Amino acid sequence: SDLLCKEVARFYSFRILKLNEFNP
């Protein structure tokens, strides 16, 4: 599931967000 959904995000240009990246 993780692998497939990540490819969906890349192919259809969904923004990819990470939990541990700081953002104000």
PDB file of all heavy atoms in Angstrom:
ATOM      1  N   SER A   1       0.813  -1.213   0.000  1.00  0.00           N
ATOM      2  CA  SER A   1       0.000   0.000   0.000  1.00  0.00           C
ATOM      3  C   SER A   1       0.847   1.265   0.000  1.00  0.00           C
ATOM      4  O   SER A   1       0.606   2.192  -0.772  1.00  0.00           O
ATOM      5  CB  SER A   1      -0.932  -0.008   1.219  1.00  0.00           C
ATOM      6  OG  SER A   1      -1.639   1.200   1.328  1.00  0.00           O
ATOM      7  N   ASP A   2       1.853   1.313   0.858  1.00  0.00           N
ATOM      8  CA  ASP A   2       2.715   2.498   0.946  1.00  0.00           C
ATOM      9  C   ASP A   2       3.424   2.776  -0.372  1.00  0.00           C
ATOM     10  O   ASP A   2       3.468   3.908  -0.859  1.00  0.00           O
ATOM     11  CB  ASP A   2       3.757   2.315   2.060  1.00  0.00           C
ATOM     12  CG  ASP A   2       3.387   3.074   3.319  1.00  0.00           C
ATOM     13  OD1 ASP A   2       2.431   3.868   3.264  1.00  0.00           O
ATOM     14  OD2 ASP A   2       4.035   2.867   4.359  1.00  0.00           O
ATOM     15  N   LEU A   3       3.988   1.719  -0.941  1.00  0.00           N
ATOM     16  CA  LEU A   3       4.722   1.854  -2.191  1.00  0.00           C
ATOM     17  C   LEU A   3       3.812   2.349  -3.308  1.00  0.00           C
ATOM     18  O   LEU A   3       4.153   3.250  -4.074  1.00  0.00           O
ATOM     19  CB  LEU A   3       5.348   0.510  -2.558  1.00  0.00           C
ATOM     20  CG  LEU A   3       6.207   0.462  -3.818  1.00  0.00           C
ATOM     21  CD1 LEU A   3       7.413   1.373  -3.675  1.00  0.00           C
ATOM     22  CD2 LEU A   3       6.642  -0.967  -4.105  1.00  0.00           C
ATOM     23  N   LEU A   4       2.632   1.752  -3.385  1.00  0.00           N
ATOM     24  CA  LEU A   4       1.699   2.093  -4.453  1.00  0.00           C
ATOM     25  C   LEU A   4       1.183   3.527  -4.312  1.00  0.00           C
ATOM     26  O   LEU A   4       1.162   4.295  -5.286  1.00  0.00           O
ATOM     27  CB  LEU A   4       0.537   1.104  -4.448  1.00  0.00           C
ATOM     28  CG  LEU A   4      -0.486   1.232  -5.580  1.00  0.00           C
ATOM     29  CD1 LEU A   4       0.198   1.082  -6.925  1.00  0.00           C
ATOM     30  CD2 LEU A   4      -1.578   0.198  -5.413  1.00  0.00           C
ATOM     31  N   CYS A   5       0.787   3.906  -3.088  1.00  0.00           N
ATOM     32  CA  CYS A   5       0.234   5.249  -2.875  1.00  0.00           C
ATOM     33  C   CYS A   5       1.288   6.327  -3.100  1.00  0.00           C
ATOM     34  O   CYS A   5       0.968   7.427  -3.550  1.00  0.00           O
ATOM     35  CB  CYS A   5      -0.354   5.355  -1.469  1.00  0.00           C
ATOM     36  SG  CYS A   5      -1.864   4.380  -1.243  1.00  0.00           S
ATOM     37  N   LYS A   6       2.538   6.011  -2.793  1.00  0.00           N
ATOM     38  CA  LYS A   6       3.599   6.983  -3.037  1.00  0.00           C
ATOM     39  C   LYS A   6       3.762   7.216  -4.541  1.00  0.00           C
ATOM     40  O   LYS A   6       3.990   8.350  -4.983  1.00  0.00           O
ATOM     41  CB  LYS A   6       4.909   6.501  -2.430  1.00  0.00           C
ATOM     42  CG  LYS A   6       6.007   7.551  -2.448  1.00  0.00           C
ATOM     43  CD  LYS A   6       7.219   7.118  -1.655  1.00  0.00           C
ATOM     44  CE  LYS A   6       8.251   8.226  -1.585  1.00  0.00           C
ATOM     45  NZ  LYS A   6       9.425   7.841  -0.767  1.00  0.00           N
ATOM     46  N   GLU A   7       3.640   6.152  -5.328  1.00  0.00           N
ATOM     47  CA  GLU A   7       3.734   6.305  -6.784  1.00  0.00           C
ATOM     48  C   GLU A   7       2.535   7.081  -7.329  1.00  0.00           C
ATOM     49  O   GLU A   7       2.667   7.845  -8.282  1.00  0.00           O
ATOM     50  CB  GLU A   7       3.852   4.943  -7.457  1.00  0.00           C
ATOM     51  CG  GLU A   7       5.182   4.255  -7.245  1.00  0.00           C
ATOM     52  CD  GLU A   7       6.362   5.120  -7.660  1.00  0.00           C
ATOM     53  OE1 GLU A   7       6.270   5.805  -8.709  1.00  0.00           O
ATOM     54  OE2 GLU A   7       7.366   5.134  -6.933  1.00  0.00           O
ATOM     55  N   VAL A   8       1.368   6.878  -6.729  1.00  0.00           N
ATOM     56  CA  VAL A   8       0.196   7.662  -7.123  1.00  0.00           C
ATOM     57  C   VAL A   8       0.482   9.140  -6.901  1.00  0.00           C
ATOM     58  O   VAL A   8       0.218   9.996  -7.757  1.00  0.00           O
ATOM     59  CB  VAL A   8      -1.058   7.235  -6.321  1.00  0.00           C
ATOM     60  CG1 VAL A   8      -2.198   8.226  -6.556  1.00  0.00           C
ATOM     61  CG2 VAL A   8      -1.494   5.837  -6.717  1.00  0.00           C
ATOM     62  N   ALA A   9       1.052   9.446  -5.714  1.00  0.00           N
ATOM     63  CA  ALA A   9       1.356  10.839  -5.382  1.00  0.00           C
ATOM     64  C   ALA A   9       2.342  11.444  -6.380  1.00  0.00           C
ATOM     65  O   ALA A   9       2.168  12.580  -6.823  1.00  0.00           O
ATOM     66  CB  ALA A   9       1.917  10.907  -3.956  1.00  0.00           C
ATOM     67  N   ARG A  10       3.361  10.679  -6.726  1.00  0.00           N
ATOM     68  CA  ARG A  10       4.363  11.186  -7.665  1.00  0.00           C
ATOM     69  C   ARG A  10       3.786  11.356  -9.062  1.00  0.00           C
ATOM     70  O   ARG A  10       4.001  12.373  -9.727  1.00  0.00           O
ATOM     71  CB  ARG A  10       5.556  10.230  -7.706  1.00  0.00           C
ATOM     72  CG  ARG A  10       6.430  10.278  -6.457  1.00  0.00           C
ATOM     73  CD  ARG A  10       7.487   9.202  -6.510  1.00  0.00           C
ATOM     74  NE  ARG A  10       8.443   9.317  -5.419  1.00  0.00           N
ATOM     75  CZ  ARG A  10       9.356   8.402  -5.125  1.00  0.00           C
ATOM     76  NH1 ARG A  10       9.433   7.291  -5.850  1.00  0.00           N
ATOM     77  NH2 ARG A  10      10.183   8.578  -4.117  1.00  0.00           N
ATOM     78  N   PHE A  11       3.054  10.359  -9.514  1.00  0.00           N
ATOM     79  CA  PHE A  11       2.556  10.363 -10.890  1.00  0.00           C
ATOM     80  C   PHE A  11       1.515  11.452 -11.105  1.00  0.00           C
ATOM     81  O   PHE A  11       1.501  12.117 -12.140  1.00  0.00           O
ATOM     82  CB  PHE A  11       1.962   8.999 -11.233  1.00  0.00           C
ATOM     83  CG  PHE A  11       1.590   8.844 -12.673  1.00  0.00           C
ATOM     84  CD1 PHE A  11       2.556   8.537 -13.620  1.00  0.00           C
ATOM     85  CD2 PHE A  11       0.280   9.004 -13.098  1.00  0.00           C
ATOM     86  CE1 PHE A  11       2.218   8.403 -14.963  1.00  0.00           C
ATOM     87  CE2 PHE A  11      -0.067   8.873 -14.426  1.00  0.00           C
ATOM     88  CZ  PHE A  11       0.908   8.567 -15.366  1.00  0.00           C
ATOM     89  N   TYR A  12       0.624  11.638 -10.127  1.00  0.00           N
ATOM     90  CA  TYR A  12      -0.445  12.624 -10.271  1.00  0.00           C
ATOM     91  C   TYR A  12      -0.109  13.941  -9.577  1.00  0.00           C
ATOM     92  O   TYR A  12      -0.986  14.776  -9.356  1.00  0.00           O
ATOM     93  CB  TYR A  12      -1.757  12.053  -9.740  1.00  0.00           C
ATOM     94  CG  TYR A  12      -2.292  10.958 -10.638  1.00  0.00           C
ATOM     95  CD1 TYR A  12      -2.090   9.617 -10.320  1.00  0.00           C
ATOM     96  CD2 TYR A  12      -2.980  11.263 -11.810  1.00  0.00           C
ATOM     97  CE1 TYR A  12      -2.563   8.611 -11.143  1.00  0.00           C
ATOM     98  CE2 TYR A  12      -3.454  10.263 -12.642  1.00  0.00           C
ATOM     99  CZ  TYR A  12      -3.243   8.940 -12.302  1.00  0.00           C
ATOM    100  OH  TYR A  12      -3.718   7.951 -13.132  1.00  0.00           O
ATOM    101  N   SER A  13       1.174  14.113  -9.203  1.00  0.00           N
ATOM    102  CA  SER A  13       1.681  15.385  -8.662  1.00  0.00           C
ATOM    103  C   SER A  13       0.986  15.828  -7.386  1.00  0.00           C
ATOM    104  O   SER A  13       0.726  17.014  -7.177  1.00  0.00           O
ATOM    105  CB  SER A  13       1.572  16.497  -9.722  1.00  0.00           C
ATOM    106  OG  SER A  13       2.330  16.164 -10.862  1.00  0.00           O
ATOM    107  N   PHE A  14       0.674  14.855  -6.500  1.00  0.00           N
ATOM    108  CA  PHE A  14       0.232  15.231  -5.161  1.00  0.00           C
ATOM    109  C   PHE A  14       1.441  15.742  -4.382  1.00  0.00           C
ATOM    110  O   PHE A  14       2.536  15.201  -4.503  1.00  0.00           O
ATOM    111  CB  PHE A  14      -0.369  14.028  -4.426  1.00  0.00           C
ATOM    112  CG  PHE A  14      -1.731  13.616  -4.907  1.00  0.00           C
ATOM    113  CD1 PHE A  14      -1.885  12.537  -5.756  1.00  0.00           C
ATOM    114  CD2 PHE A  14      -2.855  14.309  -4.500  1.00  0.00           C
ATOM    115  CE1 PHE A  14      -3.136  12.148  -6.201  1.00  0.00           C
ATOM    116  CE2 PHE A  14      -4.116  13.934  -4.927  1.00  0.00           C
ATOM    117  CZ  PHE A  14      -4.257  12.852  -5.782  1.00  0.00           C
ATOM    118  N   ARG A  15       1.220  16.773  -3.575  1.00  0.00           N
ATOM    119  CA  ARG A  15       2.292  17.262  -2.723  1.00  0.00           C
ATOM    120  C   ARG A  15       2.617  16.198  -1.676  1.00  0.00           C
ATOM    121  O   ARG A  15       1.720  15.585  -1.117  1.00  0.00           O
ATOM    122  CB  ARG A  15       1.859  18.556  -2.040  1.00  0.00           C
ATOM    123  CG  ARG A  15       3.011  19.355  -1.463  1.00  0.00           C
ATOM    124  CD  ARG A  15       2.539  20.606  -0.751  1.00  0.00           C
ATOM    125  NE  ARG A  15       1.616  21.406  -1.550  1.00  0.00           N
ATOM    126  CZ  ARG A  15       1.513  22.730  -1.428  1.00  0.00           C
ATOM    127  NH1 ARG A  15       2.281  23.371  -0.566  1.00  0.00           N
ATOM    128  NH2 ARG A  15       0.637  23.390  -2.151  1.00  0.00           N
ATOM    129  N   ILE A  16       3.905  15.964  -1.406  1.00  0.00           N
ATOM    130  CA  ILE A  16       4.333  14.971  -0.422  1.00  0.00           C
ATOM    131  C   ILE A  16       4.819  15.695   0.831  1.00  0.00           C
ATOM    132  O   ILE A  16       5.742  16.517   0.760  1.00  0.00           O
ATOM    133  CB  ILE A  16       5.447  14.071  -0.991  1.00  0.00           C
ATOM    134  CG1 ILE A  16       4.923  13.301  -2.209  1.00  0.00           C
ATOM    135  CG2 ILE A  16       5.955  13.100   0.075  1.00  0.00           C
ATOM    136  CD1 ILE A  16       5.981  12.444  -2.900  1.00  0.00           C
ATOM    137  N   LEU A  17       4.184  15.431   1.961  1.00  0.00           N
ATOM    138  CA  LEU A  17       4.537  16.078   3.226  1.00  0.00           C
ATOM    139  C   LEU A  17       5.104  15.056   4.201  1.00  0.00           C
ATOM    140  O   LEU A  17       4.693  13.896   4.199  1.00  0.00           O
ATOM    141  CB  LEU A  17       3.317  16.764   3.839  1.00  0.00           C
ATOM    142  CG  LEU A  17       2.659  17.863   2.988  1.00  0.00           C
ATOM    143  CD1 LEU A  17       1.469  18.451   3.708  1.00  0.00           C
ATOM    144  CD2 LEU A  17       3.660  18.954   2.641  1.00  0.00           C
ATOM    145  N   LYS A  18       6.033  15.509   5.041  1.00  0.00           N
ATOM    146  CA  LYS A  18       6.663  14.636   6.024  1.00  0.00           C
ATOM    147  C   LYS A  18       6.394  15.154   7.434  1.00  0.00           C
ATOM    148  O   LYS A  18       6.426  16.360   7.673  1.00  0.00           O
ATOM    149  CB  LYS A  18       8.168  14.536   5.767  1.00  0.00           C
ATOM    150  CG  LYS A  18       8.506  13.885   4.431  1.00  0.00           C
ATOM    151  CD  LYS A  18      10.004  13.759   4.226  1.00  0.00           C
ATOM    152  CE  LYS A  18      10.321  13.098   2.894  1.00  0.00           C
ATOM    153  NZ  LYS A  18      11.787  12.960   2.679  1.00  0.00           N
ATOM    154  N   LEU A  19       6.184  14.227   8.337  1.00  0.00           N
ATOM    155  CA  LEU A  19       5.794  14.587   9.699  1.00  0.00           C
ATOM    156  C   LEU A  19       6.890  15.342  10.427  1.00  0.00           C
ATOM    157  O   LEU A  19       6.624  16.286  11.163  1.00  0.00           O
ATOM    158  CB  LEU A  19       5.415  13.323  10.480  1.00  0.00           C
ATOM    159  CG  LEU A  19       4.982  13.527  11.934  1.00  0.00           C
ATOM    160  CD1 LEU A  19       3.726  14.407  12.003  1.00  0.00           C
ATOM    161  CD2 LEU A  19       4.715  12.181  12.592  1.00  0.00           C
ATOM    162  N   ASN A  20       8.152  14.956  10.230  1.00  0.00           N
ATOM    163  CA  ASN A  20       9.233  15.494  11.051  1.00  0.00           C
ATOM    164  C   ASN A  20       9.945  16.694  10.431  1.00  0.00           C
ATOM    165  O   ASN A  20      10.964  17.140  10.947  1.00  0.00           O
ATOM    166  CB  ASN A  20      10.254  14.392  11.351  1.00  0.00           C
ATOM    167  CG  ASN A  20       9.656  13.311  12.230  1.00  0.00           C
ATOM    168  OD1 ASN A  20       8.843  13.587  13.104  1.00  0.00           O
ATOM    169  ND2 ASN A  20      10.046  12.075  11.990  1.00  0.00           N
ATOM    170  N   GLU A  21       9.444  17.202   9.320  1.00  0.00           N
ATOM    171  CA  GLU A  21      10.029  18.403   8.730  1.00  0.00           C
ATOM    172  C   GLU A  21       9.392  19.637   9.364  1.00  0.00           C
ATOM    173  O   GLU A  21       8.174  19.790   9.359  1.00  0.00           O
ATOM    174  CB  GLU A  21       9.820  18.423   7.215  1.00  0.00           C
ATOM    175  CG  GLU A  21      10.722  17.466   6.465  1.00  0.00           C
ATOM    176  CD  GLU A  21      10.577  17.609   4.956  1.00  0.00           C
ATOM    177  OE1 GLU A  21       9.665  18.339   4.520  1.00  0.00           O
ATOM    178  OE2 GLU A  21      11.363  16.989   4.233  1.00  0.00           O
ATOM    179  N   PHE A  22      10.223  20.529   9.914  1.00  0.00           N
ATOM    180  CA  PHE A  22       9.698  21.712  10.597  1.00  0.00           C
ATOM    181  C   PHE A  22       9.067  22.676   9.614  1.00  0.00           C
ATOM    182  O   PHE A  22       9.595  22.933   8.533  1.00  0.00           O
ATOM    183  CB  PHE A  22      10.816  22.430  11.359  1.00  0.00           C
ATOM    184  CG  PHE A  22      10.374  23.752  11.954  1.00  0.00           C
ATOM    185  CD1 PHE A  22       9.574  23.772  13.080  1.00  0.00           C
ATOM    186  CD2 PHE A  22      10.733  24.949  11.353  1.00  0.00           C
ATOM    187  CE1 PHE A  22       9.154  24.982  13.614  1.00  0.00           C
ATOM    188  CE2 PHE A  22      10.324  26.152  11.878  1.00  0.00           C
ATOM    189  CZ  PHE A  22       9.530  26.174  13.022  1.00  0.00           C
ATOM    190  N   ASN A  23       7.913  23.217  10.002  1.00  0.00           N
ATOM    191  CA  ASN A  23       7.235  24.221   9.199  1.00  0.00           C
ATOM    192  C   ASN A  23       6.443  25.110  10.157  1.00  0.00           C
ATOM    193  O   ASN A  23       5.598  24.606  10.904  1.00  0.00           O
ATOM    194  CB  ASN A  23       6.293  23.569   8.186  1.00  0.00           C
ATOM    195  CG  ASN A  23       5.720  24.573   7.200  1.00  0.00           C
ATOM    196  OD1 ASN A  23       5.556  25.754   7.503  1.00  0.00           O
ATOM    197  ND2 ASN A  23       5.405  24.113   5.996  1.00  0.00           N
ATOM    198  N   PRO A  24       6.717  26.418  10.175  1.00  0.00           N
ATOM    199  CA  PRO A  24       5.995  27.298  11.105  1.00  0.00           C
ATOM    200  C   PRO A  24       4.501  27.377  10.828  1.00  0.00           C
ATOM    201  O   PRO A  24       3.740  27.847  11.681  1.00  0.00           O
ATOM    202  CB  PRO A  24       6.666  28.663  10.886  1.00  0.00           C
ATOM    203  CG  PRO A  24       7.294  28.587   9.530  1.00  0.00           C
ATOM    204  CD  PRO A  24       7.712  27.152   9.363  1.00  0.00           C
TER     205      PRO A  24
END
